[in-house]
Amino acid sequence: MKGFTFQPKLFTDLKNYSKAKLASDIMAGIIVGIVALPLAIAFGIASGVTPEKGIITAIIAGLAISIFGGSRVQIGGPTGAFIVIIYGIIQQYGESGLLIATIMAGIILVLLGVFRLGTIIKFIPYPIVVGFTSGIAVTIFTTQIKDLFGLTMAEVPSDFIEKWIAYIQCFGTIDWWSAGVGIVSIIIIAISPKISRVIPGSLIAIILMTVGVYLLKEYAGINSIETIGDRFQINASIPALTMPHMSWETAKGLLQPAITIAILGAIESLLSATVADGVIGDRHDSNQELVGQGIANILSPLFGGIPATGAIARTMTNINNGGKTPIAGVIHALVLLLIFLFLMPLAQYIPMACLAGVLVIVSYNMSGWRTFRELLKNPKSDVAVLLITFFLTVIFDLTIAIEFGLVLACLLFIKRVMEVVEVKIDRDEIVHTKDTTISGEEEHLTLPKDVETYEINGPYFFGIASRFEEVVLLTKERPKVRIIRMRKIPFIDSTGIHNLTNLCEISRKEGIHIILSGVNPKVHKVLERSGFNEMLGKENICSNIHEAIEKAQDFLEKNNK
């Protein structure tokens, strides 16, 4: 297998860089930086950290992903998908635990890329991706109800069902001014694309609502609308690089959430890069992209940041505004840095209800309800994976949902393979398609008396091995020779070898001779390494059915004398 080569897209694109590309990248980078600002703040607060940590993540991780990633136009930073995971980790392990889990996730992502496992991530079934994405969207929406309506609550339960019960019980405390701000924000964001696609609706809503709330507080005496400054103390400076203390016990405890962060980050970043490829007609390097994502998630927590990944919405904004190379992503990070250093104190006036409105729109766009609805028309097995992943994400957590969804999807896949793998038994005569002819010409071969053939059409693995053994052993007829045709078996695993060995030993005790026919080179090597060839006898492994029938005839003649 070809080894991994560290070759970020930025390095290759700079070789043929031009002034025209630079102009396009600067314009796209500025616009994406402005788009990313409200999202970074909202994602940071919703995740349970301070607003500046959301922006720091967008700066540090966004810069690293653009410099070290494998996509020309990928924009990285905090995303809505991580909100639920981050919040849960902070509740259980604290912010120090989150930092360690994020660094561990970054290391896992780097290793996935170095060992060229980027393509394997793409094999995660689509119903699982849709199920947990929709589940996360519902969860994000649920977390924003308190701020959206300005509810007075001593504490918001972490459990989904308990959270809604608490909301219903406290709905009498609704602050109509906050609710108005939240609802108007949603309307502005929803209708803004019809007016202008250049300026993001979330930014328009934040500017208008912030100014509006400031005027209401200053001149109308309306002080019930909570702002960021009422809840957080803004610190507009990049924190010093710090290494969190990590012990072996802590690392073991955080391994599961770290794996969840890594898997989700890998899925979202590669999905974003794939979507971008389809738009710009390019092809990203999935392994290099994972390495870039890993480096970003190692560096981000060193400055107090949270997990980051490729963001589809910001990546599409980059493409639509002319971004050509990773330089656009670098510019986006620098724009955020300038805003953070010089304009961050103004963020304290942003209403929490407005940010809740931003996240409600994010959750709606993330829900993919149309895709969800279409998948419900698919086979029952896919629907089961979709719904189970969705409800586990909503009611329990994403870690359980991904793990259970993957296990269920694998079991259903094995079941499907078992259903299509055919075991055919022939006596007296077989219809043989000549392997050497392109036309697939058939010939009828007569089997000697007391000879049976068994043909497996498909992989001989743990899902089918026991079934084949049962079919053979439960056959009422007891021939003197069994020919097992293996020309259509692409591979065999250890369970298949075990069951085949067991079948041969049982047949030998019954006085039945076993001959293998048409074993392909790969399967033959596996059988040879396992010692099966010596147990059966190399002379009983034939290259084709004609040779196998002749071998069976010779065996019968010798034993009938």
Protein backbone atom coordinates (compact mmCIF):
# COMPACT_ATOMS: atom_id res chain seq x y z
CA MET A 1 0.00 0.00 0.00
CA LYS A 2 1.28 3.42 -0.91
CA GLY A 3 2.41 5.44 2.10
CA PHE A 4 1.02 8.79 3.19
CA THR A 5 2.62 11.91 1.69
CA PHE A 6 2.25 15.18 3.58
CA GLN A 7 1.15 17.55 0.84
CA PRO A 8 -1.40 20.22 1.87
CA LYS A 9 -3.37 21.87 -0.94
CA LEU A 10 -2.03 25.28 0.09
CA PHE A 11 1.54 24.26 -0.76
CA THR A 12 0.63 22.96 -4.22
CA ASP A 13 -1.68 25.90 -5.04
CA LEU A 14 0.98 28.51 -4.22
CA LYS A 15 3.15 27.17 -7.08
CA ASN A 16 0.79 28.61 -9.69
CA TYR A 17 -0.68 31.47 -7.69
CA SER A 18 -1.66 34.74 -9.42
CA LYS A 19 -2.88 38.25 -8.59
CA ALA A 20 -6.33 37.40 -9.93
CA LYS A 21 -6.62 34.47 -7.56
CA LEU A 22 -5.37 36.61 -4.68
CA ALA A 23 -8.03 39.25 -5.35
CA SER A 24 -10.77 36.59 -5.43
CA ASP A 25 -9.46 34.92 -2.27
CA ILE A 26 -9.27 38.21 -0.35
CA MET A 27 -12.87 39.14 -1.23
CA ALA A 28 -14.18 35.66 -0.40
CA GLY A 29 -12.14 35.50 2.83
CA ILE A 30 -13.51 38.83 4.08
CA ILE A 31 -17.12 37.81 3.42
CA VAL A 32 -16.69 34.35 4.97
CA GLY A 33 -15.02 35.92 8.02
CA ILE A 34 -18.04 38.18 8.52
CA VAL A 35 -20.42 35.22 8.03
CA ALA A 36 -18.45 33.12 10.51
CA LEU A 37 -18.52 35.73 13.28
CA PRO A 38 -22.10 35.33 14.57
CA LEU A 39 -21.99 31.57 14.10
CA ALA A 40 -18.74 31.24 16.09
CA ILE A 41 -20.22 33.27 18.95
CA ALA A 42 -23.50 31.33 18.89
CA PHE A 43 -21.81 27.92 18.72
CA GLY A 44 -19.46 28.83 21.55
CA ILE A 45 -22.27 29.92 23.90
CA ALA A 46 -24.53 26.98 22.96
CA SER A 47 -21.65 24.57 23.64
CA GLY A 48 -21.35 25.84 27.21
CA VAL A 49 -18.22 27.96 26.85
CA THR A 50 -17.69 31.72 26.59
CA PRO A 51 -18.37 33.51 23.28
CA GLU A 52 -14.74 34.43 22.70
CA LYS A 53 -13.75 30.74 22.76
CA GLY A 54 -16.01 30.16 19.77
CA ILE A 55 -14.18 32.89 17.85
CA ILE A 56 -10.74 31.69 19.01
CA THR A 57 -11.66 28.24 17.65
CA ALA A 58 -12.69 29.75 14.31
CA ILE A 59 -9.39 31.67 14.14
CA ILE A 60 -6.92 28.96 15.24
CA ALA A 61 -8.66 25.91 13.77
CA GLY A 62 -9.80 27.77 10.65
CA LEU A 63 -6.22 28.85 9.98
CA ALA A 64 -4.80 25.35 10.57
CA ILE A 65 -7.41 23.64 8.37
CA SER A 66 -6.69 26.03 5.49
CA ILE A 67 -2.91 25.66 5.84
CA PHE A 68 -2.68 21.90 6.39
CA GLY A 69 -5.92 20.55 4.85
CA GLY A 70 -6.50 18.61 1.65
CA SER A 71 -9.25 20.77 0.12
CA ARG A 72 -8.83 23.99 -1.84
CA VAL A 73 -11.94 25.73 -0.53
CA GLN A 74 -12.73 24.11 2.82
CA ILE A 75 -13.52 26.56 5.64
CA GLY A 76 -13.13 25.15 9.14
CA GLY A 77 -14.30 26.19 12.56
CA PRO A 78 -16.83 25.32 15.27
CA THR A 79 -20.05 23.78 13.93
CA GLY A 80 -23.51 22.99 15.23
CA ALA A 81 -22.85 19.25 15.12
CA PHE A 82 -20.43 19.53 18.03
CA ILE A 83 -22.71 21.52 20.34
CA VAL A 84 -24.36 18.50 21.95
CA ILE A 85 -21.08 16.59 22.39
CA ILE A 86 -19.17 19.55 23.80
CA TYR A 87 -21.93 20.47 26.23
CA GLY A 88 -22.13 16.88 27.48
CA ILE A 89 -18.37 16.56 27.96
CA ILE A 90 -18.19 19.85 29.88
CA GLN A 91 -21.05 18.75 32.15
CA GLN A 92 -19.31 15.47 32.95
CA TYR A 93 -15.59 16.29 32.78
CA GLY A 94 -15.39 20.09 32.91
CA GLU A 95 -13.62 22.36 30.43
CA SER A 96 -10.23 20.78 31.16
CA GLY A 97 -11.69 17.41 30.18
CA LEU A 98 -12.99 18.93 26.94
CA LEU A 99 -9.55 20.29 26.08
CA ILE A 100 -7.92 16.89 26.64
CA ALA A 101 -10.65 15.04 24.67
CA THR A 102 -10.23 17.50 21.77
CA ILE A 103 -6.45 17.01 21.67
CA MET A 104 -6.94 13.23 21.75
CA ALA A 105 -9.49 13.52 18.92
CA GLY A 106 -6.96 15.57 16.95
CA ILE A 107 -4.32 12.86 17.38
CA ILE A 108 -6.84 10.21 16.25
CA LEU A 109 -7.68 12.27 13.14
CA VAL A 110 -3.98 12.66 12.28
CA LEU A 111 -3.47 8.90 12.63
CA LEU A 112 -6.52 8.19 10.45
CA GLY A 113 -4.99 10.36 7.74
CA VAL A 114 -1.43 9.03 8.09
CA PHE A 115 -2.66 5.42 7.84
CA ARG A 116 -4.74 6.40 4.80
CA LEU A 117 -8.10 5.59 6.35
CA GLY A 118 -9.82 8.66 4.93
CA THR A 119 -11.82 6.63 2.43
CA ILE A 120 -13.13 4.26 5.11
CA ILE A 121 -15.06 7.09 6.78
CA LYS A 122 -17.10 7.36 3.57
CA PHE A 123 -18.44 3.85 4.14
CA ILE A 124 -20.56 4.94 7.11
CA PRO A 125 -24.16 4.30 5.97
CA TYR A 126 -26.09 7.35 4.83
CA PRO A 127 -29.12 6.68 7.14
CA ILE A 128 -26.76 6.93 10.14
CA VAL A 129 -25.37 10.28 8.94
CA VAL A 130 -28.88 11.66 8.33
CA GLY A 131 -30.19 10.16 11.58
CA PHE A 132 -27.64 11.71 13.89
CA THR A 133 -27.52 14.99 11.94
CA SER A 134 -31.30 15.39 12.25
CA GLY A 135 -31.11 14.32 15.88
CA ILE A 136 -28.46 16.95 16.61
CA ALA A 137 -30.63 19.57 14.90
CA VAL A 138 -33.59 18.73 17.15
CA THR A 139 -31.33 18.80 20.21
CA ILE A 140 -29.85 22.20 19.26
CA PHE A 141 -33.34 23.61 18.76
CA THR A 142 -34.37 22.26 22.17
CA THR A 143 -31.41 23.91 23.93
CA GLN A 144 -32.40 27.34 22.58
CA ILE A 145 -35.99 27.50 23.89
CA LYS A 146 -35.04 29.18 27.17
CA ASP A 147 -33.10 32.03 25.54
CA LEU A 148 -35.50 32.33 22.60
CA PHE A 149 -38.45 33.07 24.87
CA GLY A 150 -36.54 34.57 27.82
CA LEU A 151 -37.85 31.95 30.25
CA THR A 152 -36.97 32.31 33.92
CA MET A 153 -35.46 28.98 34.98
CA ALA A 154 -33.15 28.20 37.88
CA GLU A 155 -31.59 25.32 35.96
CA VAL A 156 -32.19 23.70 32.58
CA PRO A 157 -32.20 19.86 32.81
CA SER A 158 -29.77 18.05 30.53
CA ASP A 159 -32.18 15.24 29.63
CA PHE A 160 -34.26 15.90 26.49
CA ILE A 161 -37.64 14.86 27.90
CA GLU A 162 -37.03 16.50 31.28
CA LYS A 163 -35.96 19.66 29.47
CA TRP A 164 -39.29 19.93 27.64
CA ILE A 165 -41.24 19.19 30.82
CA ALA A 166 -39.34 22.03 32.53
CA TYR A 167 -40.01 24.37 29.59
CA ILE A 168 -43.74 23.66 29.73
CA GLN A 169 -43.80 24.22 33.48
CA CYS A 170 -41.92 27.54 33.15
CA PHE A 171 -43.66 28.84 30.04
CA GLY A 172 -45.69 31.21 32.17
CA THR A 173 -42.45 33.17 32.83
CA ILE A 174 -42.01 34.04 29.15
CA ASP A 175 -40.51 37.49 28.50
CA TRP A 176 -42.41 38.86 25.52
CA TRP A 177 -39.68 41.37 24.64
CA SER A 178 -37.09 38.56 24.39
CA ALA A 179 -39.53 36.39 22.46
CA GLY A 180 -40.13 39.26 20.06
CA VAL A 181 -36.40 39.72 19.52
CA GLY A 182 -35.95 36.00 18.88
CA ILE A 183 -38.88 35.67 16.49
CA VAL A 184 -38.01 38.82 14.54
CA SER A 185 -34.40 37.56 14.27
CA ILE A 186 -35.65 34.29 12.75
CA ILE A 187 -37.84 36.19 10.26
CA ILE A 188 -34.94 38.47 9.23
CA ILE A 189 -32.59 35.53 8.68
CA ALA A 190 -35.24 33.60 6.76
CA ILE A 191 -36.15 36.42 4.34
CA SER A 192 -32.73 38.05 3.93
CA PRO A 193 -31.54 35.67 1.12
CA LYS A 194 -34.48 36.90 -0.99
CA ILE A 195 -33.19 40.46 -0.62
CA SER A 196 -29.42 40.00 -0.69
CA ARG A 197 -27.13 36.97 -0.64
CA VAL A 198 -23.99 39.04 -0.15
CA ILE A 199 -24.60 40.01 3.48
CA PRO A 200 -25.53 37.04 5.71
CA GLY A 201 -28.95 37.18 7.36
CA SER A 202 -27.51 36.23 10.74
CA LEU A 203 -25.24 39.30 10.67
CA ILE A 204 -28.12 41.58 9.64
CA ALA A 205 -30.28 40.18 12.45
CA ILE A 206 -27.55 40.62 15.05
CA ILE A 207 -26.79 44.21 14.03
CA LEU A 208 -30.45 45.27 13.90
CA MET A 209 -31.47 43.48 17.09
CA THR A 210 -28.40 44.65 19.02
CA VAL A 211 -29.06 48.28 18.09
CA GLY A 212 -32.78 47.84 18.79
CA VAL A 213 -32.26 46.30 22.21
CA TYR A 214 -29.67 48.92 23.12
CA LEU A 215 -32.17 51.69 22.31
CA LEU A 216 -34.94 49.92 24.25
CA LYS A 217 -32.70 49.67 27.31
CA GLU A 218 -31.35 53.22 27.10
CA TYR A 219 -34.49 55.14 26.18
CA ALA A 220 -37.48 52.92 27.03
CA GLY A 221 -36.19 51.36 30.24
CA ILE A 222 -36.74 47.80 28.95
CA ASN A 223 -34.11 45.81 30.88
CA SER A 224 -35.59 42.31 30.77
CA ILE A 225 -33.85 41.35 27.51
CA GLU A 226 -30.69 39.42 28.43
CA THR A 227 -27.53 40.14 26.43
CA ILE A 228 -24.16 38.39 26.18
CA GLY A 229 -22.69 40.96 28.59
CA ASP A 230 -25.30 40.07 31.21
CA ARG A 231 -24.14 36.46 31.21
CA PHE A 232 -20.46 36.60 30.22
CA GLN A 233 -17.49 38.86 30.74
CA ILE A 234 -15.89 39.48 27.35
CA ASN A 235 -12.12 39.07 27.14
CA ALA A 236 -10.84 40.33 23.78
CA SER A 237 -7.32 38.87 23.86
CA ILE A 238 -5.80 35.66 22.56
CA PRO A 239 -5.00 33.52 25.63
CA ALA A 240 -1.48 32.23 26.18
CA LEU A 241 -0.67 28.76 24.95
CA THR A 242 -1.28 26.28 27.76
CA MET A 243 -0.94 22.51 27.88
CA PRO A 244 -3.69 20.84 29.95
CA HIS A 245 -2.52 18.29 32.50
CA MET A 246 -3.14 14.79 31.17
CA SER A 247 -2.85 11.52 33.09
CA TRP A 248 -3.33 7.96 31.86
CA GLU A 249 -6.51 7.59 33.92
CA THR A 250 -7.95 10.81 32.50
CA ALA A 251 -7.06 9.75 28.96
CA LYS A 252 -8.80 6.37 29.40
CA GLY A 253 -11.93 8.06 30.73
CA LEU A 254 -12.02 10.51 27.83
CA LEU A 255 -11.25 8.01 25.05
CA GLN A 256 -14.89 7.42 24.13
CA PRO A 257 -15.85 11.11 23.77
CA ALA A 258 -12.55 11.72 21.93
CA ILE A 259 -13.42 8.98 19.42
CA THR A 260 -16.88 10.49 18.98
CA ILE A 261 -15.39 13.94 18.30
CA ALA A 262 -12.91 12.41 15.82
CA ILE A 263 -15.54 10.37 13.94
CA LEU A 264 -18.00 13.25 13.74
CA GLY A 265 -15.26 15.68 12.71
CA ALA A 266 -14.04 13.29 10.03
CA ILE A 267 -17.53 12.66 8.64
CA GLU A 268 -18.51 16.33 8.55
CA SER A 269 -15.22 17.59 7.09
CA LEU A 270 -15.06 14.93 4.36
CA LEU A 271 -18.74 15.42 3.55
CA SER A 272 -18.16 19.16 3.25
CA ALA A 273 -15.07 18.63 1.07
CA THR A 274 -16.97 16.18 -1.17
CA VAL A 275 -19.86 18.63 -1.64
CA ALA A 276 -17.33 21.36 -2.48
CA ASP A 277 -15.62 19.08 -5.04
CA GLY A 278 -18.91 18.66 -6.85
CA VAL A 279 -19.36 22.43 -7.12
CA ILE A 280 -15.83 23.44 -8.18
CA GLY A 281 -14.99 20.31 -10.19
CA ASP A 282 -11.99 19.41 -8.05
CA ARG A 283 -10.94 16.40 -5.98
CA HIS A 284 -9.81 16.77 -2.39
CA ASP A 285 -7.21 14.58 -0.65
CA SER A 286 -9.25 12.90 2.10
CA ASN A 287 -6.21 11.68 4.05
CA GLN A 288 -4.51 15.07 3.97
CA GLU A 289 -7.81 16.66 4.99
CA LEU A 290 -7.98 14.42 8.06
CA VAL A 291 -4.40 15.32 8.98
CA GLY A 292 -5.28 19.02 8.65
CA GLN A 293 -8.40 18.56 10.78
CA GLY A 294 -6.32 16.69 13.35
CA ILE A 295 -3.69 19.43 13.56
CA ALA A 296 -6.48 22.01 13.97
CA ASN A 297 -8.03 20.08 16.85
CA ILE A 298 -4.66 19.69 18.56
CA LEU A 299 -3.86 23.41 18.31
CA SER A 300 -7.32 24.84 19.10
CA PRO A 301 -7.57 23.59 22.72
CA LEU A 302 -4.02 24.79 23.46
CA PHE A 303 -5.49 28.31 23.20
CA GLY A 304 -8.71 27.41 25.00
CA GLY A 305 -10.67 26.57 21.85
CA ILE A 306 -13.23 23.83 21.25
CA PRO A 307 -13.49 21.05 18.60
CA ALA A 308 -13.65 22.18 14.97
CA THR A 309 -14.30 20.66 11.57
CA GLY A 310 -15.11 21.61 8.01
CA ALA A 311 -18.29 23.70 7.83
CA ILE A 312 -20.48 23.11 4.76
CA ALA A 313 -22.35 26.46 4.95
CA ARG A 314 -19.17 28.53 5.29
CA THR A 315 -17.40 26.46 2.63
CA MET A 316 -20.26 27.08 0.19
CA THR A 317 -20.18 30.80 1.06
CA ASN A 318 -16.47 30.77 0.22
CA ILE A 319 -17.12 29.12 -3.17
CA ASN A 320 -20.06 31.36 -4.04
CA ASN A 321 -17.99 34.48 -3.34
CA GLY A 322 -15.06 33.46 -5.51
CA GLY A 323 -12.70 31.57 -3.17
CA LYS A 324 -10.11 29.73 -5.29
CA THR A 325 -7.44 28.44 -2.91
CA PRO A 326 -6.82 27.86 0.83
CA ILE A 327 -5.61 31.49 0.99
CA ALA A 328 -9.31 32.47 1.26
CA GLY A 329 -9.54 30.40 4.44
CA VAL A 330 -6.42 32.07 5.81
CA ILE A 331 -7.91 35.52 5.07
CA HIS A 332 -11.16 34.48 6.80
CA ALA A 333 -9.19 33.60 9.95
CA LEU A 334 -7.27 36.92 9.85
CA VAL A 335 -10.52 38.88 9.44
CA LEU A 336 -11.93 37.12 12.51
CA LEU A 337 -8.72 37.91 14.41
CA LEU A 338 -9.02 41.63 13.63
CA ILE A 339 -12.69 41.68 14.63
CA PHE A 340 -11.85 39.79 17.81
CA LEU A 341 -9.05 42.17 18.84
CA PHE A 342 -10.78 45.46 18.01
CA LEU A 343 -14.56 44.93 17.96
CA MET A 344 -15.14 42.07 20.41
CA PRO A 345 -16.21 44.34 23.32
CA LEU A 346 -19.28 45.29 21.26
CA ALA A 347 -20.40 41.66 21.40
CA GLN A 348 -21.58 42.17 24.97
CA TYR A 349 -24.61 44.09 23.62
CA ILE A 350 -25.84 41.17 21.43
CA PRO A 351 -29.17 39.82 22.77
CA MET A 352 -29.21 36.14 23.78
CA ALA A 353 -32.63 35.79 22.14
CA CYS A 354 -31.12 36.90 18.82
CA LEU A 355 -28.36 34.28 19.06
CA ALA A 356 -31.03 31.72 19.89
CA GLY A 357 -32.83 32.77 16.70
CA VAL A 358 -29.60 32.26 14.73
CA LEU A 359 -29.26 28.74 16.13
CA VAL A 360 -32.91 27.92 15.44
CA ILE A 361 -32.25 28.66 11.75
CA VAL A 362 -29.00 26.64 11.94
CA SER A 363 -30.90 23.67 13.40
CA TYR A 364 -33.61 23.96 10.73
CA ASN A 365 -31.05 23.95 7.91
CA MET A 366 -29.17 21.13 9.60
CA SER A 367 -32.26 18.96 10.10
CA GLY A 368 -32.49 17.95 6.46
CA TRP A 369 -36.14 17.09 7.02
CA ARG A 370 -36.79 16.62 3.31
CA THR A 371 -33.99 14.04 3.08
CA PHE A 372 -35.25 12.43 6.28
CA ARG A 373 -38.75 12.18 4.81
CA GLU A 374 -37.45 10.61 1.58
CA LEU A 375 -35.38 8.02 3.48
CA LEU A 376 -38.55 6.87 5.25
CA LYS A 377 -39.62 5.45 1.86
CA ASN A 378 -36.53 3.23 1.68
CA PRO A 379 -36.28 -0.45 2.73
CA LYS A 380 -37.36 -1.20 6.31
CA SER A 381 -33.79 -1.98 7.39
CA ASP A 382 -32.60 1.51 6.35
CA VAL A 383 -35.62 3.11 8.01
CA ALA A 384 -34.83 1.19 11.22
CA VAL A 385 -31.22 2.44 11.22
CA LEU A 386 -32.39 6.00 10.50
CA LEU A 387 -35.04 6.14 13.24
CA ILE A 388 -32.99 4.34 15.90
CA THR A 389 -29.98 6.63 15.29
CA PHE A 390 -32.25 9.68 15.35
CA PHE A 391 -34.08 8.81 18.58
CA LEU A 392 -30.92 7.65 20.37
CA THR A 393 -29.25 10.96 19.46
CA VAL A 394 -32.20 12.97 20.75
CA ILE A 395 -33.08 10.98 23.88
CA PHE A 396 -29.64 9.74 24.95
CA ASP A 397 -26.51 11.09 23.25
CA LEU A 398 -24.59 11.06 20.01
CA THR A 399 -21.94 8.57 21.18
CA ILE A 400 -24.53 5.86 21.87
CA ALA A 401 -26.37 6.72 18.64
CA ILE A 402 -23.29 6.35 16.41
CA GLU A 403 -22.12 3.15 18.11
CA PHE A 404 -25.53 1.46 18.09
CA GLY A 405 -26.31 2.72 14.57
CA LEU A 406 -23.05 1.32 13.19
CA VAL A 407 -23.58 -2.06 14.88
CA LEU A 408 -27.17 -2.27 13.62
CA ALA A 409 -26.15 -1.22 10.10
CA CYS A 410 -23.42 -3.90 10.06
CA LEU A 411 -25.82 -6.59 11.25
CA LEU A 412 -28.41 -5.63 8.65
CA PHE A 413 -25.71 -5.61 5.95
CA ILE A 414 -24.62 -9.11 6.96
CA LYS A 415 -28.25 -10.22 6.86
CA ARG A 416 -28.64 -8.82 3.34
CA VAL A 417 -25.46 -10.53 2.15
CA MET A 418 -26.65 -13.82 3.63
CA GLU A 419 -29.96 -13.44 1.79
CA VAL A 420 -28.28 -13.02 -1.60
CA VAL A 421 -25.56 -15.66 -1.15
CA GLU A 422 -26.80 -18.80 -2.85
CA VAL A 423 -25.92 -22.38 -1.91
CA LYS A 424 -26.69 -24.74 -4.78
CA ILE A 425 -26.71 -28.56 -4.63
CA ASP A 426 -26.46 -30.70 -7.79
CA ARG A 427 -26.72 -34.44 -8.33
CA ASP A 428 -26.49 -36.53 -11.53
CA GLU A 429 -25.88 -33.47 -13.76
CA ILE A 430 -24.63 -29.89 -13.49
CA VAL A 431 -24.96 -26.96 -15.88
CA HIS A 432 -21.51 -25.42 -16.09
CA THR A 433 -20.70 -22.00 -17.57
CA LYS A 434 -17.25 -22.18 -19.07
CA ASP A 435 -14.95 -19.87 -17.17
CA THR A 436 -12.70 -19.28 -20.18
CA THR A 437 -15.36 -18.08 -22.59
CA ILE A 438 -16.53 -14.48 -22.73
CA SER A 439 -19.89 -15.51 -24.15
CA GLY A 440 -20.71 -17.55 -21.05
CA GLU A 441 -21.34 -20.71 -23.10
CA GLU A 442 -22.95 -23.46 -21.06
CA GLU A 443 -22.18 -27.16 -21.02
CA HIS A 444 -23.91 -30.05 -19.28
CA LEU A 445 -21.63 -32.27 -17.22
CA THR A 446 -22.71 -35.70 -16.00
CA LEU A 447 -21.77 -36.52 -12.42
CA PRO A 448 -20.70 -40.06 -11.50
CA LYS A 449 -23.02 -41.98 -9.19
CA ASP A 450 -22.54 -41.16 -5.47
CA VAL A 451 -21.07 -37.71 -6.26
CA GLU A 452 -22.71 -34.42 -5.24
CA THR A 453 -21.61 -30.84 -5.89
CA TYR A 454 -22.21 -27.86 -3.63
CA GLU A 455 -21.68 -24.37 -5.04
CA ILE A 456 -21.47 -21.16 -2.99
CA ASN A 457 -22.16 -17.95 -4.91
CA GLY A 458 -20.73 -15.20 -2.71
CA PRO A 459 -18.24 -14.57 0.12
CA TYR A 460 -17.58 -17.46 2.52
CA PHE A 461 -17.53 -15.50 5.76
CA PHE A 462 -18.93 -15.82 9.29
CA GLY A 463 -22.41 -14.80 8.14
CA ILE A 464 -22.76 -17.67 5.64
CA ALA A 465 -20.33 -20.32 6.92
CA SER A 466 -22.72 -21.91 9.44
CA ARG A 467 -25.58 -21.84 6.96
CA PHE A 468 -23.51 -23.69 4.33
CA GLU A 469 -22.38 -26.27 6.89
CA GLU A 470 -25.99 -26.89 7.92
CA VAL A 471 -27.16 -27.24 4.29
CA VAL A 472 -24.50 -29.87 3.60
CA LEU A 473 -24.84 -31.85 6.84
CA LEU A 474 -28.65 -31.83 6.86
CA THR A 475 -28.85 -33.26 3.34
CA LYS A 476 -30.57 -36.64 3.56
CA GLU A 477 -28.48 -38.16 0.76
CA ARG A 478 -25.09 -39.48 1.84
CA PRO A 479 -22.81 -39.50 -1.23
CA LYS A 480 -19.35 -40.99 -1.31
CA VAL A 481 -17.78 -37.78 -2.73
CA ARG A 482 -18.67 -34.15 -2.11
CA ILE A 483 -17.29 -31.60 -4.57
CA ILE A 484 -17.39 -28.06 -3.14
CA ARG A 485 -17.29 -25.55 -5.99
CA MET A 486 -15.55 -22.34 -4.85
CA ARG A 487 -15.04 -20.46 -8.12
CA LYS A 488 -17.58 -17.76 -7.08
CA ILE A 489 -16.15 -17.23 -3.58
CA PRO A 490 -14.17 -13.93 -3.63
CA PHE A 491 -12.82 -14.32 -0.07
CA ILE A 492 -12.95 -16.53 3.00
CA ASP A 493 -12.50 -15.50 6.64
CA SER A 494 -11.37 -17.44 9.71
CA THR A 495 -14.94 -18.55 10.56
CA GLY A 496 -15.33 -19.85 7.01
CA ILE A 497 -12.05 -21.80 7.30
CA HIS A 498 -13.13 -23.22 10.68
CA ASN A 499 -16.51 -24.37 9.37
CA LEU A 500 -14.98 -25.79 6.20
CA THR A 501 -12.43 -27.70 8.30
CA ASN A 502 -15.20 -28.95 10.57
CA LEU A 503 -17.24 -30.08 7.55
CA CYS A 504 -14.25 -32.00 6.15
CA GLU A 505 -13.60 -33.75 9.48
CA ILE A 506 -17.26 -34.76 9.92
CA SER A 507 -17.39 -35.97 6.30
CA ARG A 508 -14.21 -38.01 6.80
CA LYS A 509 -15.75 -39.74 9.84
CA GLU A 510 -18.78 -40.60 7.71
CA GLY A 511 -16.50 -42.01 5.00
CA ILE A 512 -17.26 -39.14 2.58
CA HIS A 513 -14.42 -37.75 0.48
CA ILE A 514 -14.15 -33.94 0.02
CA ILE A 515 -12.80 -32.24 -3.11
CA LEU A 516 -12.54 -28.48 -3.66
CA SER A 517 -13.00 -27.06 -7.15
CA GLY A 518 -12.15 -23.70 -8.74
CA VAL A 519 -10.44 -22.09 -5.71
CA ASN A 520 -9.24 -18.61 -6.73
CA PRO A 521 -5.61 -17.63 -5.93
CA LYS A 522 -6.49 -15.29 -3.02
CA VAL A 523 -8.67 -17.86 -1.28
CA HIS A 524 -6.07 -20.57 -2.01
CA LYS A 525 -3.37 -18.52 -0.23
CA VAL A 526 -5.59 -18.06 2.83
CA LEU A 527 -6.32 -21.80 2.98
CA GLU A 528 -2.62 -22.59 2.57
CA ARG A 529 -1.57 -20.24 5.39
CA SER A 530 -4.18 -21.71 7.72
CA GLY A 531 -2.89 -25.27 7.19
CA PHE A 532 -6.15 -26.40 5.58
CA ASN A 533 -4.37 -27.66 2.45
CA GLU A 534 -2.33 -30.19 4.46
CA MET A 535 -5.39 -31.35 6.38
CA LEU A 536 -7.44 -31.96 3.21
CA GLY A 537 -4.53 -32.90 0.99
CA LYS A 538 -3.25 -30.66 -1.79
CA GLU A 539 -4.22 -33.26 -4.39
CA ASN A 540 -7.88 -32.71 -3.44
CA ILE A 541 -7.85 -29.01 -4.40
CA CYS A 542 -8.59 -28.81 -8.11
CA SER A 543 -8.40 -25.81 -10.43
CA ASN A 544 -11.69 -26.52 -12.24
CA ILE A 545 -14.80 -28.71 -12.19
CA HIS A 546 -13.58 -31.05 -14.95
CA GLU A 547 -10.48 -31.92 -12.93
CA ALA A 548 -12.60 -32.32 -9.78
CA ILE A 549 -15.04 -34.74 -11.48
CA GLU A 550 -12.11 -36.75 -12.82
CA LYS A 551 -10.57 -36.86 -9.33
CA ALA A 552 -13.92 -38.04 -7.89
CA GLN A 553 -14.18 -40.75 -10.56
CA ASP A 554 -10.67 -42.02 -9.75
CA PHE A 555 -11.50 -42.08 -6.02
CA LEU A 556 -14.69 -44.11 -6.63
CA GLU A 557 -12.91 -46.60 -8.88
CA LYS A 558 -10.17 -47.20 -6.31
CA ASN A 559 -12.62 -47.64 -3.45
CA ASN A 560 -14.97 -49.92 -5.41
CA LYS A 561 -12.29 -52.46 -6.23
